[in-house]
Amino acid sequence: MRFLACLFLMSSILFAQTSNPGAATSPTTGHSRHSKPGTSGKSSTGTTPSSCGTRCGVERWPLKTLTDSEAGIFKNATATDTTVPKLVAEPAPAKLTDARAPLEKQLFHLKALLIGWKEEMGSTTASGAMAAKSGGTSVPDHDFHIVIADPANLKNQMIIEVPDPACQAVCSSAFLGKIKAARSAVSSQPGKPTPNLVELPKPWLVEVTGPALFDFAHDQDGLAKNCIEIHPVLEINFIKEQSNGPVHVNTKADGLPHTCGRK
């Protein structure tokens, strides 16, 4: 009888496993074999590289953050020496999209005078409140907005921009390390940025490296006549502080003509 009881018990167990095959193999921890405990397949912050950071800019943002499909061309690119006058003389494309124009596929190196800067985070009104625009920028993107000038003609100006590493796309860019280094270099010299443009009491001669980018015209301070910029700045070196200053930064009030690309 004992033998028959054991045989019956074993038959019952075998029947239960064959009728529900997942019961014997289901994990008890709740994690897949590709996940580490406590992660559920995500990073410890609950984000992925494509969704990291704070939402910032909009217009041509993939190009401005070097996260577009062609950004890889700059990884081993050799920078071409140029000047502010040469870049400002380039014709702007009639239409600007998220595809790069031929000139925007080149890395440039130039020397110029850094004459003013701000952080694009909205301008301060007389009451102390934050206005919606900063020098005409409708979507503050927290870039360091820097105005440089041709040392031989200080009225010939253009913009260079250093993105905020905490912004979306910037934080997942393959060039994040260079952007962080450029941001740190700027912060260490002129001082703490403000939302309103400040003309440096004494300009700095700087060396700048980065890709060219044509922006839209929206009354930016220091805007080149063709709206060309170095954006993003991948390297900036402060060479020498000048003895005279400040230098006037071109603004909308100066009424200078611009021929820039459109949407």
C-alpha atoms as a PDB file:
ATOM      1  CA  MET A   1       0.000   0.000   0.000  1.00  0.00           C
ATOM      2  CA  ARG A   2       2.854   2.376   0.846  1.00  0.00           C
ATOM      3  CA  PHE A   3       4.345   1.779  -2.625  1.00  0.00           C
ATOM      4  CA  LEU A   4       0.992   2.532  -4.302  1.00  0.00           C
ATOM      5  CA  ALA A   5       0.599   5.777  -2.252  1.00  0.00           C
ATOM      6  CA  CYS A   6       4.037   7.026  -3.333  1.00  0.00           C
ATOM      7  CA  LEU A   7       3.322   6.155  -6.952  1.00  0.00           C
ATOM      8  CA  PHE A   8       0.024   8.103  -6.785  1.00  0.00           C
ATOM      9  CA  LEU A   9       1.760  11.184  -5.263  1.00  0.00           C
ATOM     10  CA  MET A  10       4.472  11.240  -7.938  1.00  0.00           C
ATOM     11  CA  SER A  11       1.838  10.937 -10.680  1.00  0.00           C
ATOM     12  CA  SER A  12      -0.064  13.933  -9.218  1.00  0.00           C
ATOM     13  CA  ILE A  13       3.080  16.158  -9.218  1.00  0.00           C
ATOM     14  CA  LEU A  14       3.956  15.187 -12.795  1.00  0.00           C
ATOM     15  CA  PHE A  15       0.415  16.009 -13.951  1.00  0.00           C
ATOM     16  CA  ALA A  16       0.527  19.479 -12.269  1.00  0.00           C
ATOM     17  CA  GLN A  17       3.843  20.431 -13.958  1.00  0.00           C
ATOM     18  CA  THR A  18       2.769  19.335 -17.425  1.00  0.00           C
ATOM     19  CA  SER A  19      -0.559  21.189 -17.183  1.00  0.00           C
ATOM     20  CA  ASN A  20       1.193  24.495 -16.073  1.00  0.00           C
ATOM     21  CA  PRO A  21       4.792  24.433 -17.431  1.00  0.00           C
ATOM     22  CA  GLY A  22       5.581  28.061 -16.447  1.00  0.00           C
ATOM     23  CA  ALA A  23       4.930  27.429 -12.775  1.00  0.00           C
ATOM     24  CA  ALA A  24       8.232  25.652 -12.192  1.00  0.00           C
ATOM     25  CA  THR A  25      10.344  28.173 -14.120  1.00  0.00           C
ATOM     26  CA  SER A  26       8.844  31.607 -13.315  1.00  0.00           C
ATOM     27  CA  PRO A  27      11.412  33.914 -11.578  1.00  0.00           C
ATOM     28  CA  THR A  28      10.563  34.959  -8.045  1.00  0.00           C
ATOM     29  CA  THR A  29      12.567  38.197  -7.998  1.00  0.00           C
ATOM     30  CA  GLY A  30      10.492  40.151 -10.550  1.00  0.00           C
ATOM     31  CA  HIS A  31      13.569  41.102 -12.676  1.00  0.00           C
ATOM     32  CA  SER A  32      14.426  39.984 -16.198  1.00  0.00           C
ATOM     33  CA  ARG A  33      17.798  38.353 -16.826  1.00  0.00           C
ATOM     34  CA  HIS A  34      19.000  41.633 -18.442  1.00  0.00           C
ATOM     35  CA  SER A  35      18.147  43.814 -15.435  1.00  0.00           C
ATOM     36  CA  LYS A  36      20.049  44.454 -12.274  1.00  0.00           C
ATOM     37  CA  PRO A  37      18.158  44.342  -8.984  1.00  0.00           C
ATOM     38  CA  GLY A  38      16.395  47.611  -8.358  1.00  0.00           C
ATOM     39  CA  THR A  39      16.674  48.897 -11.950  1.00  0.00           C
ATOM     40  CA  SER A  40      13.798  47.251 -13.855  1.00  0.00           C
ATOM     41  CA  GLY A  41      15.812  47.788 -17.039  1.00  0.00           C
ATOM     42  CA  LYS A  42      16.285  51.558 -16.462  1.00  0.00           C
ATOM     43  CA  SER A  43      19.047  53.675 -14.996  1.00  0.00           C
ATOM     44  CA  SER A  44      19.052  54.439 -11.270  1.00  0.00           C
ATOM     45  CA  THR A  45      17.475  57.835 -12.050  1.00  0.00           C
ATOM     46  CA  GLY A  46      14.629  56.304 -14.035  1.00  0.00           C
ATOM     47  CA  THR A  47      15.786  57.903 -17.296  1.00  0.00           C
ATOM     48  CA  THR A  48      17.385  56.711 -20.495  1.00  0.00           C
ATOM     49  CA  PRO A  49      20.063  58.565 -22.501  1.00  0.00           C
ATOM     50  CA  SER A  50      17.448  59.795 -24.983  1.00  0.00           C
ATOM     51  CA  SER A  51      15.238  61.278 -22.273  1.00  0.00           C
ATOM     52  CA  CYS A  52      17.801  62.759 -19.885  1.00  0.00           C
ATOM     53  CA  GLY A  53      17.910  66.416 -18.980  1.00  0.00           C
ATOM     54  CA  THR A  54      15.546  69.377 -18.917  1.00  0.00           C
ATOM     55  CA  ARG A  55      13.633  70.466 -22.013  1.00  0.00           C
ATOM     56  CA  CYS A  56      15.358  73.568 -23.377  1.00  0.00           C
ATOM     57  CA  GLY A  57      15.711  74.713 -26.992  1.00  0.00           C
ATOM     58  CA  VAL A  58      13.583  73.890 -30.032  1.00  0.00           C
ATOM     59  CA  GLU A  59      14.778  75.507 -33.269  1.00  0.00           C
ATOM     60  CA  ARG A  60      17.428  73.358 -35.015  1.00  0.00           C
ATOM     61  CA  TRP A  61      18.088  71.784 -31.622  1.00  0.00           C
ATOM     62  CA  PRO A  62      19.658  68.516 -32.912  1.00  0.00           C
ATOM     63  CA  LEU A  63      22.285  70.560 -34.791  1.00  0.00           C
ATOM     64  CA  LYS A  64      22.901  72.905 -31.870  1.00  0.00           C
ATOM     65  CA  THR A  65      23.558  69.959 -29.560  1.00  0.00           C
ATOM     66  CA  LEU A  66      25.428  67.767 -32.067  1.00  0.00           C
ATOM     67  CA  THR A  67      22.885  64.982 -31.760  1.00  0.00           C
ATOM     68  CA  ASP A  68      21.792  65.073 -35.415  1.00  0.00           C
ATOM     69  CA  SER A  69      22.530  62.194 -37.805  1.00  0.00           C
ATOM     70  CA  GLU A  70      25.572  63.955 -39.275  1.00  0.00           C
ATOM     71  CA  ALA A  71      27.224  65.023 -36.010  1.00  0.00           C
ATOM     72  CA  GLY A  72      29.727  62.160 -36.210  1.00  0.00           C
ATOM     73  CA  ILE A  73      31.669  64.003 -38.918  1.00  0.00           C
ATOM     74  CA  PHE A  74      33.101  66.282 -36.222  1.00  0.00           C
ATOM     75  CA  LYS A  75      34.615  63.499 -34.090  1.00  0.00           C
ATOM     76  CA  ASN A  76      37.896  63.359 -35.992  1.00  0.00           C
ATOM     77  CA  ALA A  77      37.536  66.532 -38.047  1.00  0.00           C
ATOM     78  CA  THR A  78      40.427  68.945 -38.518  1.00  0.00           C
ATOM     79  CA  ALA A  79      39.403  72.536 -37.829  1.00  0.00           C
ATOM     80  CA  THR A  80      39.786  75.088 -40.639  1.00  0.00           C
ATOM     81  CA  ASP A  81      41.310  78.429 -39.645  1.00  0.00           C
ATOM     82  CA  THR A  82      38.968  81.337 -40.318  1.00  0.00           C
ATOM     83  CA  THR A  83      38.013  84.813 -39.074  1.00  0.00           C
ATOM     84  CA  VAL A  84      34.872  86.678 -38.078  1.00  0.00           C
ATOM     85  CA  PRO A  85      34.816  88.629 -41.398  1.00  0.00           C
ATOM     86  CA  LYS A  86      35.090  85.434 -43.445  1.00  0.00           C
ATOM     87  CA  LEU A  87      32.260  83.686 -41.626  1.00  0.00           C
ATOM     88  CA  VAL A  88      30.010  86.744 -41.664  1.00  0.00           C
ATOM     89  CA  ALA A  89      30.542  87.093 -45.434  1.00  0.00           C
ATOM     90  CA  GLU A  90      29.127  83.616 -46.150  1.00  0.00           C
ATOM     91  CA  PRO A  91      25.627  83.663 -47.690  1.00  0.00           C
ATOM     92  CA  ALA A  92      22.936  82.211 -45.452  1.00  0.00           C
ATOM     93  CA  PRO A  93      20.759  79.405 -46.893  1.00  0.00           C
ATOM     94  CA  ALA A  94      17.335  80.635 -47.969  1.00  0.00           C
ATOM     95  CA  LYS A  95      15.651  77.957 -45.852  1.00  0.00           C
ATOM     96  CA  LEU A  96      16.864  76.463 -42.594  1.00  0.00           C
ATOM     97  CA  THR A  97      15.888  72.925 -41.628  1.00  0.00           C
ATOM     98  CA  ASP A  98      17.260  70.204 -39.361  1.00  0.00           C
ATOM     99  CA  ALA A  99      19.546  69.121 -42.218  1.00  0.00           C
ATOM    100  CA  ARG A 100      22.987  70.702 -42.341  1.00  0.00           C
ATOM    101  CA  ALA A 101      23.951  73.161 -45.059  1.00  0.00           C
ATOM    102  CA  PRO A 102      27.404  72.482 -46.607  1.00  0.00           C
ATOM    103  CA  LEU A 103      29.155  75.115 -44.461  1.00  0.00           C
ATOM    104  CA  GLU A 104      27.548  73.630 -41.344  1.00  0.00           C
ATOM    105  CA  LYS A 105      29.433  70.397 -41.963  1.00  0.00           C
ATOM    106  CA  GLN A 106      32.762  72.109 -41.294  1.00  0.00           C
ATOM    107  CA  LEU A 107      34.681  72.611 -38.061  1.00  0.00           C
ATOM    108  CA  PHE A 108      36.249  76.049 -37.653  1.00  0.00           C
ATOM    109  CA  HIS A 109      38.954  77.644 -35.524  1.00  0.00           C
ATOM    110  CA  LEU A 110      39.287  81.398 -35.087  1.00  0.00           C
ATOM    111  CA  LYS A 111      40.624  84.154 -32.850  1.00  0.00           C
ATOM    112  CA  ALA A 112      38.407  87.066 -31.858  1.00  0.00           C
ATOM    113  CA  LEU A 113      37.572  89.442 -29.026  1.00  0.00           C
ATOM    114  CA  LEU A 114      34.965  88.272 -26.528  1.00  0.00           C
ATOM    115  CA  ILE A 115      33.091  91.509 -25.796  1.00  0.00           C
ATOM    116  CA  GLY A 116      29.863  90.463 -24.061  1.00  0.00           C
ATOM    117  CA  TRP A 117      27.812  87.538 -22.819  1.00  0.00           C
ATOM    118  CA  LYS A 118      24.767  86.294 -20.939  1.00  0.00           C
ATOM    119  CA  GLU A 119      22.915  83.089 -20.141  1.00  0.00           C
ATOM    120  CA  GLU A 120      19.726  82.677 -22.150  1.00  0.00           C
ATOM    121  CA  MET A 121      17.217  82.247 -19.361  1.00  0.00           C
ATOM    122  CA  GLY A 122      14.805  85.154 -19.863  1.00  0.00           C
ATOM    123  CA  SER A 123      15.507  88.831 -19.233  1.00  0.00           C
ATOM    124  CA  THR A 124      14.794  90.688 -16.020  1.00  0.00           C
ATOM    125  CA  THR A 125      12.122  93.389 -16.084  1.00  0.00           C
ATOM    126  CA  ALA A 126      12.200  96.590 -14.044  1.00  0.00           C
ATOM    127  CA  SER A 127      10.047  94.909 -11.374  1.00  0.00           C
ATOM    128  CA  GLY A 128      12.496  92.025 -11.056  1.00  0.00           C
ATOM    129  CA  ALA A 129      10.267  89.493 -12.813  1.00  0.00           C
ATOM    130  CA  MET A 130      11.546  87.234 -15.567  1.00  0.00           C
ATOM    131  CA  ALA A 131      10.381  88.264 -19.025  1.00  0.00           C
ATOM    132  CA  ALA A 132       9.509  85.648 -21.632  1.00  0.00           C
ATOM    133  CA  LYS A 133      12.215  86.760 -24.032  1.00  0.00           C
ATOM    134  CA  SER A 134      15.919  87.391 -23.742  1.00  0.00           C
ATOM    135  CA  GLY A 135      17.366  89.455 -26.542  1.00  0.00           C
ATOM    136  CA  GLY A 136      14.579  88.191 -28.777  1.00  0.00           C
ATOM    137  CA  THR A 137      14.929  84.481 -27.957  1.00  0.00           C
ATOM    138  CA  SER A 138      11.396  83.119 -27.579  1.00  0.00           C
ATOM    139  CA  VAL A 139      12.487  79.838 -25.943  1.00  0.00           C
ATOM    140  CA  PRO A 140      15.276  80.387 -23.378  1.00  0.00           C
ATOM    141  CA  ASP A 141      17.638  77.422 -23.738  1.00  0.00           C
ATOM    142  CA  HIS A 142      20.188  78.268 -21.003  1.00  0.00           C
ATOM    143  CA  ASP A 143      23.015  78.531 -23.550  1.00  0.00           C
ATOM    144  CA  PHE A 144      25.912  80.838 -22.797  1.00  0.00           C
ATOM    145  CA  HIS A 145      25.224  83.468 -25.456  1.00  0.00           C
ATOM    146  CA  ILE A 146      28.618  85.016 -26.226  1.00  0.00           C
ATOM    147  CA  VAL A 147      29.339  87.903 -28.585  1.00  0.00           C
ATOM    148  CA  ILE A 148      32.712  88.041 -30.326  1.00  0.00           C
ATOM    149  CA  ALA A 149      34.109  90.757 -32.587  1.00  0.00           C
ATOM    150  CA  ASP A 150      36.757  91.079 -35.268  1.00  0.00           C
ATOM    151  CA  PRO A 151      39.802  92.657 -33.551  1.00  0.00           C
ATOM    152  CA  ALA A 152      40.359  94.834 -36.638  1.00  0.00           C
ATOM    153  CA  ASN A 153      36.731  96.011 -36.862  1.00  0.00           C
ATOM    154  CA  LEU A 154      34.831  95.860 -33.586  1.00  0.00           C
ATOM    155  CA  LYS A 155      31.476  96.533 -35.280  1.00  0.00           C
ATOM    156  CA  ASN A 156      31.833  93.241 -37.155  1.00  0.00           C
ATOM    157  CA  GLN A 157      30.320  90.827 -34.642  1.00  0.00           C
ATOM    158  CA  MET A 158      28.851  87.351 -34.379  1.00  0.00           C
ATOM    159  CA  ILE A 159      27.537  84.953 -31.775  1.00  0.00           C
ATOM    160  CA  ILE A 160      29.050  81.793 -30.335  1.00  0.00           C
ATOM    161  CA  GLU A 161      27.039  79.528 -28.035  1.00  0.00           C
ATOM    162  CA  VAL A 162      27.867  77.034 -25.301  1.00  0.00           C
ATOM    163  CA  PRO A 163      24.892  74.783 -24.435  1.00  0.00           C
ATOM    164  CA  ASP A 164      23.863  73.790 -20.936  1.00  0.00           C
ATOM    165  CA  PRO A 165      24.947  70.184 -20.208  1.00  0.00           C
ATOM    166  CA  ALA A 166      21.781  69.719 -18.140  1.00  0.00           C
ATOM    167  CA  CYS A 167      19.514  70.200 -21.163  1.00  0.00           C
ATOM    168  CA  GLN A 168      17.857  67.459 -23.186  1.00  0.00           C
ATOM    169  CA  ALA A 169      19.986  66.164 -26.076  1.00  0.00           C
ATOM    170  CA  VAL A 170      23.059  67.967 -24.727  1.00  0.00           C
ATOM    171  CA  CYS A 171      23.281  65.495 -21.846  1.00  0.00           C
ATOM    172  CA  SER A 172      23.270  62.544 -24.264  1.00  0.00           C
ATOM    173  CA  SER A 173      25.498  64.126 -26.925  1.00  0.00           C
ATOM    174  CA  ALA A 174      28.701  62.338 -27.876  1.00  0.00           C
ATOM    175  CA  PHE A 175      30.381  65.737 -27.426  1.00  0.00           C
ATOM    176  CA  LEU A 176      29.148  66.308 -23.864  1.00  0.00           C
ATOM    177  CA  GLY A 177      32.677  66.226 -22.418  1.00  0.00           C
ATOM    178  CA  LYS A 178      33.882  69.005 -24.729  1.00  0.00           C
ATOM    179  CA  ILE A 179      30.767  71.093 -24.109  1.00  0.00           C
ATOM    180  CA  LYS A 180      31.246  70.761 -20.343  1.00  0.00           C
ATOM    181  CA  ALA A 181      34.892  71.815 -20.630  1.00  0.00           C
ATOM    182  CA  ALA A 182      33.993  74.862 -22.751  1.00  0.00           C
ATOM    183  CA  ARG A 183      31.244  75.829 -20.303  1.00  0.00           C
ATOM    184  CA  SER A 184      33.676  75.577 -17.403  1.00  0.00           C
ATOM    185  CA  ALA A 185      36.329  77.631 -19.219  1.00  0.00           C
ATOM    186  CA  VAL A 186      33.878  80.481 -19.845  1.00  0.00           C
ATOM    187  CA  SER A 187      32.556  80.400 -16.275  1.00  0.00           C
ATOM    188  CA  SER A 188      36.076  80.683 -14.882  1.00  0.00           C
ATOM    189  CA  GLN A 189      36.906  83.947 -16.674  1.00  0.00           C
ATOM    190  CA  PRO A 190      34.110  86.547 -17.114  1.00  0.00           C
ATOM    191  CA  GLY A 191      32.373  85.455 -13.912  1.00  0.00           C
ATOM    192  CA  LYS A 192      28.804  84.457 -13.140  1.00  0.00           C
ATOM    193  CA  PRO A 193      26.450  84.951 -16.123  1.00  0.00           C
ATOM    194  CA  THR A 194      23.268  87.001 -15.932  1.00  0.00           C
ATOM    195  CA  PRO A 195      20.055  86.802 -17.995  1.00  0.00           C
ATOM    196  CA  ASN A 196      20.790  90.260 -19.415  1.00  0.00           C
ATOM    197  CA  LEU A 197      23.756  90.800 -21.702  1.00  0.00           C
ATOM    198  CA  VAL A 198      26.804  92.297 -20.032  1.00  0.00           C
ATOM    199  CA  GLU A 199      29.540  94.083 -21.985  1.00  0.00           C
ATOM    200  CA  LEU A 200      32.902  93.105 -20.537  1.00  0.00           C
ATOM    201  CA  PRO A 201      34.757  96.054 -19.004  1.00  0.00           C
ATOM    202  CA  LYS A 202      37.846  94.683 -20.731  1.00  0.00           C
ATOM    203  CA  PRO A 203      37.362  92.290 -23.667  1.00  0.00           C
ATOM    204  CA  TRP A 204      39.277  89.031 -23.899  1.00  0.00           C
ATOM    205  CA  LEU A 205      41.178  87.748 -26.907  1.00  0.00           C
ATOM    206  CA  VAL A 206      39.948  84.169 -27.264  1.00  0.00           C
ATOM    207  CA  GLU A 207      40.548  81.144 -29.467  1.00  0.00           C
ATOM    208  CA  VAL A 208      37.372  79.285 -30.422  1.00  0.00           C
ATOM    209  CA  THR A 209      36.729  75.937 -32.106  1.00  0.00           C
ATOM    210  CA  GLY A 210      33.366  74.571 -33.187  1.00  0.00           C
ATOM    211  CA  PRO A 211      31.024  73.921 -36.136  1.00  0.00           C
ATOM    212  CA  ALA A 212      29.299  76.721 -38.026  1.00  0.00           C
ATOM    213  CA  LEU A 213      25.545  77.033 -37.717  1.00  0.00           C
ATOM    214  CA  PHE A 214      23.054  79.430 -39.282  1.00  0.00           C
ATOM    215  CA  ASP A 215      20.371  80.571 -36.856  1.00  0.00           C
ATOM    216  CA  PHE A 216      17.075  82.360 -37.360  1.00  0.00           C
ATOM    217  CA  ALA A 217      16.912  86.102 -36.737  1.00  0.00           C
ATOM    218  CA  HIS A 218      15.022  87.039 -33.599  1.00  0.00           C
ATOM    219  CA  ASP A 219      16.697  90.285 -32.512  1.00  0.00           C
ATOM    220  CA  GLN A 220      19.655  88.607 -30.830  1.00  0.00           C
ATOM    221  CA  ASP A 221      22.389  90.752 -29.315  1.00  0.00           C
ATOM    222  CA  GLY A 222      25.568  90.634 -31.419  1.00  0.00           C
ATOM    223  CA  LEU A 223      23.826  88.937 -34.342  1.00  0.00           C
ATOM    224  CA  ALA A 224      25.940  88.563 -37.485  1.00  0.00           C
ATOM    225  CA  LYS A 225      24.438  90.007 -40.648  1.00  0.00           C
ATOM    226  CA  ASN A 226      23.967  86.457 -42.004  1.00  0.00           C
ATOM    227  CA  CYS A 227      22.987  84.963 -38.608  1.00  0.00           C
ATOM    228  CA  ILE A 228      25.992  82.631 -38.595  1.00  0.00           C
ATOM    229  CA  GLU A 229      27.281  81.298 -35.277  1.00  0.00           C
ATOM    230  CA  ILE A 230      29.772  78.848 -33.850  1.00  0.00           C
ATOM    231  CA  HIS A 231      27.329  76.483 -32.190  1.00  0.00           C
ATOM    232  CA  PRO A 232      28.160  74.599 -30.100  1.00  0.00           C
ATOM    233  CA  VAL A 233      31.555  75.791 -28.936  1.00  0.00           C
ATOM    234  CA  LEU A 234      33.720  72.698 -28.457  1.00  0.00           C
ATOM    235  CA  GLU A 235      36.816  74.494 -27.255  1.00  0.00           C
ATOM    236  CA  ILE A 236      37.581  78.010 -26.043  1.00  0.00           C
ATOM    237  CA  ASN A 237      40.888  79.350 -24.757  1.00  0.00           C
ATOM    238  CA  PHE A 238      41.298  82.732 -23.083  1.00  0.00           C
ATOM    239  CA  ILE A 239      44.546  84.233 -24.410  1.00  0.00           C
ATOM    240  CA  LYS A 240      44.803  87.801 -23.131  1.00  0.00           C
ATOM    241  CA  GLU A 241      42.626  90.386 -21.448  1.00  0.00           C
ATOM    242  CA  GLN A 242      42.668  93.674 -23.311  1.00  0.00           C
ATOM    243  CA  SER A 243      43.575  97.032 -21.791  1.00  0.00           C
ATOM    244  CA  ASN A 244      40.657  99.019 -23.217  1.00  0.00           C
ATOM    245  CA  GLY A 245      36.906  98.565 -23.013  1.00  0.00           C
ATOM    246  CA  PRO A 246      34.038  98.051 -22.946  1.00  0.00           C
ATOM    247  CA  VAL A 247      33.057  97.490 -26.592  1.00  0.00           C
ATOM    248  CA  HIS A 248      29.498  98.222 -27.678  1.00  0.00           C
ATOM    249  CA  VAL A 249      27.549  95.076 -28.551  1.00  0.00           C
ATOM    250  CA  ASN A 250      25.301  95.446 -31.585  1.00  0.00           C
ATOM    251  CA  THR A 251      21.598  95.314 -30.707  1.00  0.00           C
ATOM    252  CA  LYS A 252      18.249  95.668 -32.461  1.00  0.00           C
ATOM    253  CA  ALA A 253      18.341  99.385 -31.664  1.00  0.00           C
ATOM    254  CA  ASP A 254      21.349  99.839 -33.962  1.00  0.00           C
ATOM    255  CA  GLY A 255      19.144  99.002 -36.949  1.00  0.00           C
ATOM    256  CA  LEU A 256      21.759  96.904 -38.743  1.00  0.00           C
ATOM    257  CA  PRO A 257      20.590  94.941 -41.817  1.00  0.00           C
ATOM    258  CA  HIS A 258      20.441  91.138 -41.700  1.00  0.00           C
ATOM    259  CA  THR A 259      19.929  88.552 -44.423  1.00  0.00           C
ATOM    260  CA  CYS A 260      19.193  85.261 -42.723  1.00  0.00           C
ATOM    261  CA  GLY A 261      17.542  81.939 -43.487  1.00  0.00           C
ATOM    262  CA  ARG A 262      13.874  81.299 -42.837  1.00  0.00           C
ATOM    263  CA  LYS A 263      11.764  78.321 -41.860  1.00  0.00           C
END
